[in-house]
């Protein structure tokens, strides 16, 4: 603690104490001018100094996160849920954690991603908040939904794509998430274990998928002997077409042709 005080001037320590007394974890431009009788320039310099020394963390210019308790080490970082939540609340966006984070949450893969992937309706691109790396994928409002809350650290809940929605997105967003052919195996295993239903998969494929997703999901479920009534729902969403898409998009287009779904079975035997 003594080391922290040396790194942190008296003024910085007073600011943290003031924020903690008020149970305030976000700091915006001009929050400190009145209570500490600072000019805007003095406040800006103080805040920059605190951010440089890692006492507070920048979310965007003019918005910072502060720790709930006085940090013991010098460099403090918010957890993933706090960082993402603060950024999204600030821009009034809706979001859901998706892709590799959801693959890990539902046990499709062991690997814990070192970044957080989130679909949202405001921001596109990579952001870093403290030690948290974010990949923000901007989508239309209609592509958000079918989520499950996850209890995160610090009592926060954040929305995750549901189990079935995550599988649909692994096929839909295969190039971003390296989803194929892995997702085909996950879907088979989840159906077999009855953790998801064919009806849910089809409903979500029609709602959140594109033509390629519908074709691949149809071909997969057809192979799994899904009820023809349910397969018919997918089939009706496709227009007659002579074009073919590869079953596995990253492999050469060679193999048997499935006319019903317009898919070429290019698995390497």
C-alpha atoms as a PDB file:
ATOM      1  CA  UNK A   1       0.000   0.000   0.000  1.00  0.00           C
ATOM      2  CA  UNK A   2       2.884   2.341   0.870  1.00  0.00           C
ATOM      3  CA  UNK A   3       4.305   1.786  -2.636  1.00  0.00           C
ATOM      4  CA  UNK A   4       0.941   2.717  -4.158  1.00  0.00           C
ATOM      5  CA  UNK A   5       0.806   5.986  -2.190  1.00  0.00           C
ATOM      6  CA  UNK A   6       4.270   6.917  -3.446  1.00  0.00           C
ATOM      7  CA  UNK A   7       3.175   6.318  -7.033  1.00  0.00           C
ATOM      8  CA  UNK A   8      -0.063   8.153  -6.467  1.00  0.00           C
ATOM      9  CA  UNK A   9      -0.079  11.788  -5.401  1.00  0.00           C
ATOM     10  CA  UNK A  10      -2.291  13.048  -2.566  1.00  0.00           C
ATOM     11  CA  UNK A  11      -4.756  14.517  -5.063  1.00  0.00           C
ATOM     12  CA  UNK A  12      -5.120  11.212  -6.941  1.00  0.00           C
ATOM     13  CA  UNK A  13      -5.739   9.364  -3.664  1.00  0.00           C
ATOM     14  CA  UNK A  14      -8.380  11.961  -2.694  1.00  0.00           C
ATOM     15  CA  UNK A  15     -10.152  11.496  -6.037  1.00  0.00           C
ATOM     16  CA  UNK A  16     -10.282   7.704  -5.601  1.00  0.00           C
ATOM     17  CA  UNK A  17     -11.523   8.082  -2.017  1.00  0.00           C
ATOM     18  CA  UNK A  18     -14.192  10.541  -3.193  1.00  0.00           C
ATOM     19  CA  UNK A  19     -15.400   8.200  -5.965  1.00  0.00           C
ATOM     20  CA  UNK A  20     -15.462   5.223  -3.613  1.00  0.00           C
ATOM     21  CA  UNK A  21     -17.375   7.134  -0.971  1.00  0.00           C
ATOM     22  CA  UNK A  22     -19.999   7.891  -3.617  1.00  0.00           C
ATOM     23  CA  UNK A  23     -19.875   4.287  -4.911  1.00  0.00           C
ATOM     24  CA  UNK A  24     -19.099   5.763  -8.320  1.00  0.00           C
ATOM     25  CA  UNK A  25     -17.134   3.593 -10.748  1.00  0.00           C
ATOM     26  CA  UNK A  26     -17.340   5.793 -13.846  1.00  0.00           C
ATOM     27  CA  UNK A  27     -15.671   9.151 -14.149  1.00  0.00           C
ATOM     28  CA  UNK A  28     -16.733  11.609 -16.853  1.00  0.00           C
ATOM     29  CA  UNK A  29     -15.182  14.864 -18.000  1.00  0.00           C
ATOM     30  CA  UNK A  30     -15.975  17.666 -15.523  1.00  0.00           C
ATOM     31  CA  UNK A  31     -17.061  15.366 -12.659  1.00  0.00           C
ATOM     32  CA  UNK A  32     -14.185  16.704 -10.554  1.00  0.00           C
ATOM     33  CA  UNK A  33     -14.168  20.437 -11.338  1.00  0.00           C
ATOM     34  CA  UNK A  34     -16.712  21.394  -8.656  1.00  0.00           C
ATOM     35  CA  UNK A  35     -15.860  19.052  -5.747  1.00  0.00           C
ATOM     36  CA  UNK A  36     -12.111  19.672  -6.092  1.00  0.00           C
ATOM     37  CA  UNK A  37     -12.366  23.302  -7.269  1.00  0.00           C
ATOM     38  CA  UNK A  38     -10.340  22.668 -10.408  1.00  0.00           C
ATOM     39  CA  UNK A  39     -10.326  24.427 -13.741  1.00  0.00           C
ATOM     40  CA  UNK A  40     -11.177  22.192 -16.704  1.00  0.00           C
ATOM     41  CA  UNK A  41      -7.502  22.230 -17.711  1.00  0.00           C
ATOM     42  CA  UNK A  42      -6.356  21.169 -14.214  1.00  0.00           C
ATOM     43  CA  UNK A  43      -8.962  18.432 -14.162  1.00  0.00           C
ATOM     44  CA  UNK A  44      -7.893  17.147 -17.579  1.00  0.00           C
ATOM     45  CA  UNK A  45      -4.246  17.012 -16.463  1.00  0.00           C
ATOM     46  CA  UNK A  46      -5.153  15.210 -13.230  1.00  0.00           C
ATOM     47  CA  UNK A  47      -7.286  12.627 -15.054  1.00  0.00           C
ATOM     48  CA  UNK A  48      -4.591  12.028 -17.691  1.00  0.00           C
ATOM     49  CA  UNK A  49      -2.000  11.544 -14.951  1.00  0.00           C
ATOM     50  CA  UNK A  50      -4.256   9.016 -13.174  1.00  0.00           C
ATOM     51  CA  UNK A  51      -4.884   7.136 -16.418  1.00  0.00           C
ATOM     52  CA  UNK A  52      -1.154   7.085 -17.279  1.00  0.00           C
ATOM     53  CA  UNK A  53      -0.258   5.614 -13.902  1.00  0.00           C
ATOM     54  CA  UNK A  54      -3.011   2.994 -14.226  1.00  0.00           C
ATOM     55  CA  UNK A  55      -5.131   4.220 -11.314  1.00  0.00           C
ATOM     56  CA  UNK A  56      -8.145   4.689 -13.605  1.00  0.00           C
ATOM     57  CA  UNK A  57      -8.793   3.173 -17.041  1.00  0.00           C
ATOM     58  CA  UNK A  58      -9.950   4.945 -20.179  1.00  0.00           C
ATOM     59  CA  UNK A  59     -13.101   3.655 -21.892  1.00  0.00           C
ATOM     60  CA  UNK A  60     -13.080   6.419 -24.530  1.00  0.00           C
ATOM     61  CA  UNK A  61     -11.931  10.065 -24.492  1.00  0.00           C
ATOM     62  CA  UNK A  62     -13.716  11.733 -21.578  1.00  0.00           C
ATOM     63  CA  UNK A  63     -14.959   8.506 -19.933  1.00  0.00           C
ATOM     64  CA  UNK A  64     -12.952   6.485 -17.393  1.00  0.00           C
ATOM     65  CA  UNK A  65     -13.500   3.544 -15.054  1.00  0.00           C
ATOM     66  CA  UNK A  66     -12.312   3.606 -11.446  1.00  0.00           C
ATOM     67  CA  UNK A  67     -11.875   0.626  -9.092  1.00  0.00           C
ATOM     68  CA  UNK A  68     -14.567  -0.147  -6.472  1.00  0.00           C
ATOM     69  CA  UNK A  69     -11.910  -0.504  -3.758  1.00  0.00           C
ATOM     70  CA  UNK A  70      -8.493   1.065  -3.547  1.00  0.00           C
ATOM     71  CA  UNK A  71      -6.378  -1.255  -5.681  1.00  0.00           C
ATOM     72  CA  UNK A  72      -3.516  -2.990  -3.918  1.00  0.00           C
ATOM     73  CA  UNK A  73      -1.227  -3.103  -6.922  1.00  0.00           C
ATOM     74  CA  UNK A  74      -0.525  -0.026  -8.960  1.00  0.00           C
ATOM     75  CA  UNK A  75      -2.002  -1.126 -12.254  1.00  0.00           C
ATOM     76  CA  UNK A  76      -5.684  -1.865 -12.050  1.00  0.00           C
ATOM     77  CA  UNK A  77      -7.973  -3.176 -14.778  1.00  0.00           C
ATOM     78  CA  UNK A  78     -11.734  -3.635 -14.855  1.00  0.00           C
ATOM     79  CA  UNK A  79     -13.066  -7.130 -15.549  1.00  0.00           C
ATOM     80  CA  UNK A  80     -14.476  -7.944 -18.983  1.00  0.00           C
ATOM     81  CA  UNK A  81     -18.139  -7.480 -18.042  1.00  0.00           C
ATOM     82  CA  UNK A  82     -17.533  -4.059 -16.459  1.00  0.00           C
ATOM     83  CA  UNK A  83     -15.464  -2.811 -19.391  1.00  0.00           C
ATOM     84  CA  UNK A  84     -17.903  -3.982 -22.077  1.00  0.00           C
ATOM     85  CA  UNK A  85     -20.936  -2.878 -20.043  1.00  0.00           C
ATOM     86  CA  UNK A  86     -19.553   0.637 -19.513  1.00  0.00           C
ATOM     87  CA  UNK A  87     -18.719   1.098 -23.188  1.00  0.00           C
ATOM     88  CA  UNK A  88     -22.150  -0.083 -24.338  1.00  0.00           C
ATOM     89  CA  UNK A  89     -24.071   1.882 -21.720  1.00  0.00           C
ATOM     90  CA  UNK A  90     -22.171   5.003 -22.768  1.00  0.00           C
ATOM     91  CA  UNK A  91     -23.175   4.697 -26.438  1.00  0.00           C
ATOM     92  CA  UNK A  92     -26.689   3.439 -25.657  1.00  0.00           C
ATOM     93  CA  UNK A  93     -26.024   0.195 -27.508  1.00  0.00           C
ATOM     94  CA  UNK A  94     -27.465  -3.287 -27.186  1.00  0.00           C
ATOM     95  CA  UNK A  95     -24.984  -6.157 -27.274  1.00  0.00           C
ATOM     96  CA  UNK A  96     -24.435  -9.849 -26.727  1.00  0.00           C
ATOM     97  CA  UNK A  97     -21.243 -11.812 -26.198  1.00  0.00           C
ATOM     98  CA  UNK A  98     -20.805 -14.283 -29.062  1.00  0.00           C
ATOM     99  CA  UNK A  99     -18.385 -16.460 -31.021  1.00  0.00           C
ATOM    100  CA  UNK A 100     -15.320 -17.917 -29.257  1.00  0.00           C
ATOM    101  CA  UNK A 101     -16.490 -16.761 -25.792  1.00  0.00           C
ATOM    102  CA  UNK A 102     -19.802 -18.566 -26.250  1.00  0.00           C
ATOM    103  CA  UNK A 103     -18.050 -21.634 -27.769  1.00  0.00           C
ATOM    104  CA  UNK A 104     -16.092 -21.850 -24.512  1.00  0.00           C
ATOM    105  CA  UNK A 105     -19.037 -21.122 -22.224  1.00  0.00           C
ATOM    106  CA  UNK A 106     -21.111 -23.984 -23.678  1.00  0.00           C
ATOM    107  CA  UNK A 107     -18.157 -26.367 -23.709  1.00  0.00           C
ATOM    108  CA  UNK A 108     -17.849 -26.690 -27.504  1.00  0.00           C
ATOM    109  CA  UNK A 109     -14.163 -25.942 -27.125  1.00  0.00           C
ATOM    110  CA  UNK A 110     -11.729 -25.830 -24.224  1.00  0.00           C
ATOM    111  CA  UNK A 111      -9.748 -22.815 -25.311  1.00  0.00           C
ATOM    112  CA  UNK A 112     -10.430 -19.624 -23.369  1.00  0.00           C
ATOM    113  CA  UNK A 113     -10.258 -16.688 -25.809  1.00  0.00           C
ATOM    114  CA  UNK A 114      -7.985 -13.813 -24.841  1.00  0.00           C
ATOM    115  CA  UNK A 115     -10.493 -11.263 -26.167  1.00  0.00           C
ATOM    116  CA  UNK A 116     -14.199 -10.661 -25.843  1.00  0.00           C
ATOM    117  CA  UNK A 117     -16.309 -10.896 -28.999  1.00  0.00           C
ATOM    118  CA  UNK A 118     -19.617  -9.039 -28.967  1.00  0.00           C
ATOM    119  CA  UNK A 119     -22.333  -8.403 -31.511  1.00  0.00           C
ATOM    120  CA  UNK A 120     -23.760  -4.919 -30.945  1.00  0.00           C
ATOM    121  CA  UNK A 121     -25.719  -2.221 -32.789  1.00  0.00           C
ATOM    122  CA  UNK A 122     -23.304   0.717 -32.357  1.00  0.00           C
ATOM    123  CA  UNK A 123     -19.560   0.115 -32.684  1.00  0.00           C
ATOM    124  CA  UNK A 124     -17.362  -1.807 -35.085  1.00  0.00           C
ATOM    125  CA  UNK A 125     -13.711  -2.712 -34.548  1.00  0.00           C
ATOM    126  CA  UNK A 126     -11.183  -3.499 -31.859  1.00  0.00           C
ATOM    127  CA  UNK A 127     -11.033  -1.656 -28.532  1.00  0.00           C
ATOM    128  CA  UNK A 128      -8.850  -2.008 -25.468  1.00  0.00           C
ATOM    129  CA  UNK A 129     -10.034  -0.963 -22.017  1.00  0.00           C
ATOM    130  CA  UNK A 130      -7.364  -1.566 -19.384  1.00  0.00           C
ATOM    131  CA  UNK A 131      -6.287  -5.191 -19.888  1.00  0.00           C
ATOM    132  CA  UNK A 132      -9.531  -6.095 -21.678  1.00  0.00           C
ATOM    133  CA  UNK A 133      -9.347  -6.607 -25.455  1.00  0.00           C
ATOM    134  CA  UNK A 134     -12.682  -6.314 -27.270  1.00  0.00           C
ATOM    135  CA  UNK A 135     -13.720  -7.266 -30.801  1.00  0.00           C
ATOM    136  CA  UNK A 136     -16.955  -5.400 -31.485  1.00  0.00           C
ATOM    137  CA  UNK A 137     -19.042  -6.610 -34.398  1.00  0.00           C
ATOM    138  CA  UNK A 138     -21.677  -4.114 -35.490  1.00  0.00           C
ATOM    139  CA  UNK A 139     -24.891  -5.750 -36.697  1.00  0.00           C
ATOM    140  CA  UNK A 140     -28.418  -4.636 -37.563  1.00  0.00           C
ATOM    141  CA  UNK A 141     -30.860  -4.524 -34.619  1.00  0.00           C
ATOM    142  CA  UNK A 142     -32.677  -7.541 -36.086  1.00  0.00           C
ATOM    143  CA  UNK A 143     -29.525  -9.664 -35.710  1.00  0.00           C
ATOM    144  CA  UNK A 144     -29.490  -9.157 -31.940  1.00  0.00           C
ATOM    145  CA  UNK A 145     -31.494 -11.522 -29.769  1.00  0.00           C
ATOM    146  CA  UNK A 146     -31.935 -15.032 -28.449  1.00  0.00           C
ATOM    147  CA  UNK A 147     -29.663 -14.480 -25.475  1.00  0.00           C
ATOM    148  CA  UNK A 148     -29.126 -15.940 -22.022  1.00  0.00           C
ATOM    149  CA  UNK A 149     -27.832 -13.875 -19.107  1.00  0.00           C
ATOM    150  CA  UNK A 150     -24.494 -14.895 -17.632  1.00  0.00           C
ATOM    151  CA  UNK A 151     -23.662 -13.950 -14.048  1.00  0.00           C
ATOM    152  CA  UNK A 152     -20.265 -12.285 -14.381  1.00  0.00           C
ATOM    153  CA  UNK A 153     -17.782 -11.068 -11.769  1.00  0.00           C
ATOM    154  CA  UNK A 154     -18.875  -8.243  -9.467  1.00  0.00           C
ATOM    155  CA  UNK A 155     -22.554  -9.203  -9.588  1.00  0.00           C
ATOM    156  CA  UNK A 156     -23.041  -8.015 -13.158  1.00  0.00           C
ATOM    157  CA  UNK A 157     -25.101  -9.987 -15.663  1.00  0.00           C
ATOM    158  CA  UNK A 158     -24.193  -9.860 -19.313  1.00  0.00           C
ATOM    159  CA  UNK A 159     -26.146 -11.287 -22.247  1.00  0.00           C
ATOM    160  CA  UNK A 160     -24.572 -14.212 -24.118  1.00  0.00           C
ATOM    161  CA  UNK A 161     -25.919 -15.677 -27.336  1.00  0.00           C
ATOM    162  CA  UNK A 162     -27.944 -18.773 -26.394  1.00  0.00           C
ATOM    163  CA  UNK A 163     -26.589 -22.267 -27.017  1.00  0.00           C
ATOM    164  CA  UNK A 164     -28.625 -22.811 -30.224  1.00  0.00           C
ATOM    165  CA  UNK A 165     -28.022 -19.232 -31.457  1.00  0.00           C
ATOM    166  CA  UNK A 166     -24.275 -19.733 -30.947  1.00  0.00           C
ATOM    167  CA  UNK A 167     -24.342 -22.826 -33.178  1.00  0.00           C
ATOM    168  CA  UNK A 168     -26.248 -20.968 -35.905  1.00  0.00           C
ATOM    169  CA  UNK A 169     -23.682 -18.152 -35.755  1.00  0.00           C
ATOM    170  CA  UNK A 170     -20.786 -20.613 -35.933  1.00  0.00           C
ATOM    171  CA  UNK A 171     -22.172 -21.595 -39.353  1.00  0.00           C
ATOM    172  CA  UNK A 172     -23.339 -18.098 -40.403  1.00  0.00           C
ATOM    173  CA  UNK A 173     -20.186 -16.245 -39.315  1.00  0.00           C
ATOM    174  CA  UNK A 174     -17.825 -19.148 -40.109  1.00  0.00           C
ATOM    175  CA  UNK A 175     -15.055 -17.011 -41.595  1.00  0.00           C
ATOM    176  CA  UNK A 176     -14.861 -14.681 -38.577  1.00  0.00           C
ATOM    177  CA  UNK A 177     -15.068 -17.436 -35.947  1.00  0.00           C
ATOM    178  CA  UNK A 178     -13.260 -20.232 -37.836  1.00  0.00           C
ATOM    179  CA  UNK A 179     -16.562 -22.062 -37.388  1.00  0.00           C
ATOM    180  CA  UNK A 180     -16.568 -24.662 -40.172  1.00  0.00           C
ATOM    181  CA  UNK A 181     -16.310 -27.603 -40.268  1.00  0.00           C
ATOM    182  CA  UNK A 182     -16.086 -27.616 -36.434  1.00  0.00           C
ATOM    183  CA  UNK A 183     -19.669 -26.403 -35.954  1.00  0.00           C
ATOM    184  CA  UNK A 184     -21.109 -29.379 -37.860  1.00  0.00           C
ATOM    185  CA  UNK A 185     -19.665 -31.738 -35.237  1.00  0.00           C
ATOM    186  CA  UNK A 186     -20.869 -29.543 -32.368  1.00  0.00           C
ATOM    187  CA  UNK A 187     -24.418 -29.456 -33.773  1.00  0.00           C
ATOM    188  CA  UNK A 188     -24.541 -33.238 -34.167  1.00  0.00           C
ATOM    189  CA  UNK A 189     -23.283 -33.758 -30.613  1.00  0.00           C
ATOM    190  CA  UNK A 190     -25.729 -31.227 -29.116  1.00  0.00           C
ATOM    191  CA  UNK A 191     -28.690 -32.768 -30.971  1.00  0.00           C
ATOM    192  CA  UNK A 192     -27.656 -36.243 -29.860  1.00  0.00           C
ATOM    193  CA  UNK A 193     -27.360 -35.131 -26.225  1.00  0.00           C
ATOM    194  CA  UNK A 194     -30.756 -33.378 -26.575  1.00  0.00           C
ATOM    195  CA  UNK A 195     -29.286 -30.096 -25.348  1.00  0.00           C
ATOM    196  CA  UNK A 196     -30.853 -28.367 -28.351  1.00  0.00           C
ATOM    197  CA  UNK A 197     -33.823 -29.233 -30.554  1.00  0.00           C
ATOM    198  CA  UNK A 198     -34.096 -29.391 -34.333  1.00  0.00           C
ATOM    199  CA  UNK A 199     -37.088 -27.007 -34.123  1.00  0.00           C
ATOM    200  CA  UNK A 200     -35.013 -24.360 -32.297  1.00  0.00           C
ATOM    201  CA  UNK A 201     -32.134 -24.674 -34.743  1.00  0.00           C
ATOM    202  CA  UNK A 202     -34.468 -24.232 -37.710  1.00  0.00           C
ATOM    203  CA  UNK A 203     -36.291 -21.263 -36.131  1.00  0.00           C
ATOM    204  CA  UNK A 204     -32.997 -19.493 -35.393  1.00  0.00           C
ATOM    205  CA  UNK A 205     -31.491 -20.369 -38.787  1.00  0.00           C
ATOM    206  CA  UNK A 206     -34.470 -18.742 -40.522  1.00  0.00           C
ATOM    207  CA  UNK A 207     -34.310 -15.726 -38.235  1.00  0.00           C
ATOM    208  CA  UNK A 208     -30.555 -15.078 -38.029  1.00  0.00           C
ATOM    209  CA  UNK A 209     -29.035 -17.035 -40.926  1.00  0.00           C
ATOM    210  CA  UNK A 210     -28.492 -16.177 -44.582  1.00  0.00           C
ATOM    211  CA  UNK A 211     -29.009 -18.384 -47.659  1.00  0.00           C
ATOM    212  CA  UNK A 212     -25.686 -20.177 -47.106  1.00  0.00           C
ATOM    213  CA  UNK A 213     -26.590 -20.937 -43.485  1.00  0.00           C
ATOM    214  CA  UNK A 214     -30.033 -22.234 -44.501  1.00  0.00           C
ATOM    215  CA  UNK A 215     -28.513 -24.521 -47.153  1.00  0.00           C
ATOM    216  CA  UNK A 216     -25.796 -25.931 -44.899  1.00  0.00           C
ATOM    217  CA  UNK A 217     -28.157 -26.378 -41.939  1.00  0.00           C
ATOM    218  CA  UNK A 218     -30.755 -28.022 -44.206  1.00  0.00           C
ATOM    219  CA  UNK A 219     -28.171 -30.429 -45.628  1.00  0.00           C
ATOM    220  CA  UNK A 220     -26.896 -31.259 -42.126  1.00  0.00           C
ATOM    221  CA  UNK A 221     -30.362 -31.858 -40.653  1.00  0.00           C
ATOM    222  CA  UNK A 222     -31.386 -33.860 -43.721  1.00  0.00           C
ATOM    223  CA  UNK A 223     -28.386 -36.140 -43.083  1.00  0.00           C
ATOM    224  CA  UNK A 224     -29.474 -36.390 -39.435  1.00  0.00           C
ATOM    225  CA  UNK A 225     -32.924 -37.568 -40.560  1.00  0.00           C
ATOM    226  CA  UNK A 226     -34.782 -34.528 -39.220  1.00  0.00           C
ATOM    227  CA  UNK A 227     -38.597 -34.607 -39.676  1.00  0.00           C
ATOM    228  CA  UNK A 228     -39.540 -33.598 -43.231  1.00  0.00           C
ATOM    229  CA  UNK A 229     -42.126 -31.122 -41.890  1.00  0.00           C
ATOM    230  CA  UNK A 230     -39.298 -29.165 -40.249  1.00  0.00           C
ATOM    231  CA  UNK A 231     -36.941 -29.519 -43.235  1.00  0.00           C
ATOM    232  CA  UNK A 232     -39.758 -28.129 -45.391  1.00  0.00           C
ATOM    233  CA  UNK A 233     -39.606 -24.848 -43.461  1.00  0.00           C
ATOM    234  CA  UNK A 234     -35.968 -24.427 -44.491  1.00  0.00           C
ATOM    235  CA  UNK A 235     -36.622 -25.543 -48.046  1.00  0.00           C
ATOM    236  CA  UNK A 236     -39.399 -22.978 -48.500  1.00  0.00           C
ATOM    237  CA  UNK A 237     -36.947 -20.206 -47.605  1.00  0.00           C
ATOM    238  CA  UNK A 238     -34.724 -21.113 -50.579  1.00  0.00           C
ATOM    239  CA  UNK A 239     -35.375 -19.972 -54.136  1.00  0.00           C
ATOM    240  CA  UNK A 240     -34.711 -22.477 -56.900  1.00  0.00           C
ATOM    241  CA  UNK A 241     -31.111 -22.015 -57.965  1.00  0.00           C
ATOM    242  CA  UNK A 242     -28.525 -23.855 -59.996  1.00  0.00           C
ATOM    243  CA  UNK A 243     -25.613 -22.467 -58.014  1.00  0.00           C
ATOM    244  CA  UNK A 244     -23.791 -24.647 -55.512  1.00  0.00           C
ATOM    245  CA  UNK A 245     -22.017 -23.780 -52.300  1.00  0.00           C
ATOM    246  CA  UNK A 246     -19.289 -25.943 -50.772  1.00  0.00           C
ATOM    247  CA  UNK A 247     -20.244 -27.783 -47.563  1.00  0.00           C
ATOM    248  CA  UNK A 248     -16.883 -26.712 -46.114  1.00  0.00           C
ATOM    249  CA  UNK A 249     -16.097 -23.249 -47.488  1.00  0.00           C
ATOM    250  CA  UNK A 250     -12.344 -23.439 -46.835  1.00  0.00           C
ATOM    251  CA  UNK A 251     -11.801 -26.623 -48.904  1.00  0.00           C
ATOM    252  CA  UNK A 252     -11.647 -27.090 -52.685  1.00  0.00           C
ATOM    253  CA  UNK A 253     -15.008 -27.357 -54.462  1.00  0.00           C
ATOM    254  CA  UNK A 254     -14.920 -31.025 -55.396  1.00  0.00           C
ATOM    255  CA  UNK A 255     -17.383 -33.714 -54.409  1.00  0.00           C
ATOM    256  CA  UNK A 256     -20.894 -35.135 -54.673  1.00  0.00           C
ATOM    257  CA  UNK A 257     -23.702 -32.700 -55.381  1.00  0.00           C
ATOM    258  CA  UNK A 258     -26.788 -32.398 -53.200  1.00  0.00           C
ATOM    259  CA  UNK A 259     -29.394 -30.797 -55.490  1.00  0.00           C
ATOM    260  CA  UNK A 260     -32.023 -30.421 -52.793  1.00  0.00           C
ATOM    261  CA  UNK A 261     -29.879 -28.010 -50.766  1.00  0.00           C
ATOM    262  CA  UNK A 262     -27.510 -26.768 -53.477  1.00  0.00           C
ATOM    263  CA  UNK A 263     -24.538 -28.043 -51.495  1.00  0.00           C
ATOM    264  CA  UNK A 264     -21.411 -29.768 -52.727  1.00  0.00           C
ATOM    265  CA  UNK A 265     -20.160 -32.376 -50.245  1.00  0.00           C
ATOM    266  CA  UNK A 266     -16.474 -31.497 -50.362  1.00  0.00           C
ATOM    267  CA  UNK A 267     -15.392 -33.328 -47.223  1.00  0.00           C
ATOM    268  CA  UNK A 268     -12.079 -35.062 -47.709  1.00  0.00           C
ATOM    269  CA  UNK A 269     -12.833 -38.742 -47.424  1.00  0.00           C
END
